[in-house]
Amino acid sequence: MNKKLTNIYSVITQLSRSYKIVTAITLLINLFIFVLFSQPLVQDDTKQSAVMVRALLDTLTFLAANHLFVRTYLKLNIVNRALTIKRVSLFLGYMLITSAIFTLFSLGIGKIEMLKFSDVNSFQLQNDSGSIDINMSMPFIVAIAMFNNYFMLLAWAIVYLFWVQQINRKKQQQQMHKAQLQQLTNQLNPHFLFNALNSIRALIYEDQDKAADTVTLLSELFRTHLKAHLNAKSSLEEELEISANYLAIEKVRLEERLNITTDIDPQLANQILPTLTLLTLVENAIKHGISPNKEAGYIDISATIIDKQRWLLRVNNSVNANSNADGTTTGIKNVKKRLRLMFDRKYQWQQTIKDGIYSIAMELPRD
């Protein structure tokens, strides 16, 4: 019992920002409609304030019924569950009870002294020729009011269910994209480790001290890598850090053959990328551009602002010899897939090779 009450309290008190906004808009619309349709009941201008009070009370009652009873029931018993005949029947019966309570409360408001102009026992409509008295029996009044309130509450419930379904569908898509991004990120780990260990292996026979220093760099790199790997998204600043550590390892092995330049706009430090995007491009540049060459080569990394909505990340590297390395371009394909998952069609990819310069430029949306 305590657990059930806790669940009910949790549903009632946990409100999303969008739900609050929609509720506020609903309040204003209901007030406007009630005031508009209550005008025929008003016989003089002195009752304008009473009309507003009645409109506010009825609107708050309607929203309270929806929030406390309808929404709570939907969240606990309908949302994210299969719709069976039994479940739907129970919900319709529950809605009947809710509408009865709402109707009795609404009729009770009309008994308040200042609000008796709205008592449906004896309507008095105003027109050009005078007033018209309309007398109805209480059972008939209750039946009409319940019928009206039942379908109002049911309509609200249907709209709410559709809205929640759309939100859940969007969340599922985001979760699916995140899972796909994480899966693609996981595929980069063996490739990255293979390259780093190859660098150390080559150094062991050439310079053991450098090999030891490189192991230290590798340890630091993996510490950074593991932190980054926990998320499918990383900031440009984090991407630059992990890429710098990797390049430091390769610099030990390649020495003067590797020259690195960077031109990063500080305003772009917090821009988001799929994790390990920059590292993959840098690895690709080392593998296919720098390593195959006996002569010195370079890697140039730049990040510049295009306008308020876009920024450009570019990685250029020299290519002066054909690479004998595996040319499956798995890493590049992986990056493209993750960019598409994260940004949909809001990014542009340009890949060129000209005059001994291999260039990858990504035009990305700014946060």
Foldseek 3Di string as FASTA:
>chain_A
DVVVVVLLVCQLPDDDPVRVVVLVVQLVVQLVVQLVVCVQLDPDPVLSVVSSVLSNVLSVLLSCLCRNPVSSCCVVQPPPDDDDPVSVVVSLVSLLVSLLVSLVVSLVVCPPPSNVSPNPQWGWGADPVGTDIDHDDPVVVSVVSSVVSSVVSVVVSVVVNVVVVVVVVVVVLVVVLFVLLLVLVVVCVVVLVVVLVVLLVVVVVPPVVLSVVSVVLVVVLVVLVVVLSVGQKDAVLSLVVSLVSSVVSVCSRLPQQEAEEEAEDPVRRGFMAGGCLSVLVSVVCCQFARVVDPHHKYWYWYKADPDQWKIKTKIKIFHDDGGPDDDPCSSVVSRVVSCCSVQPPQKDWDWDADPRMTMIMMIHTGD
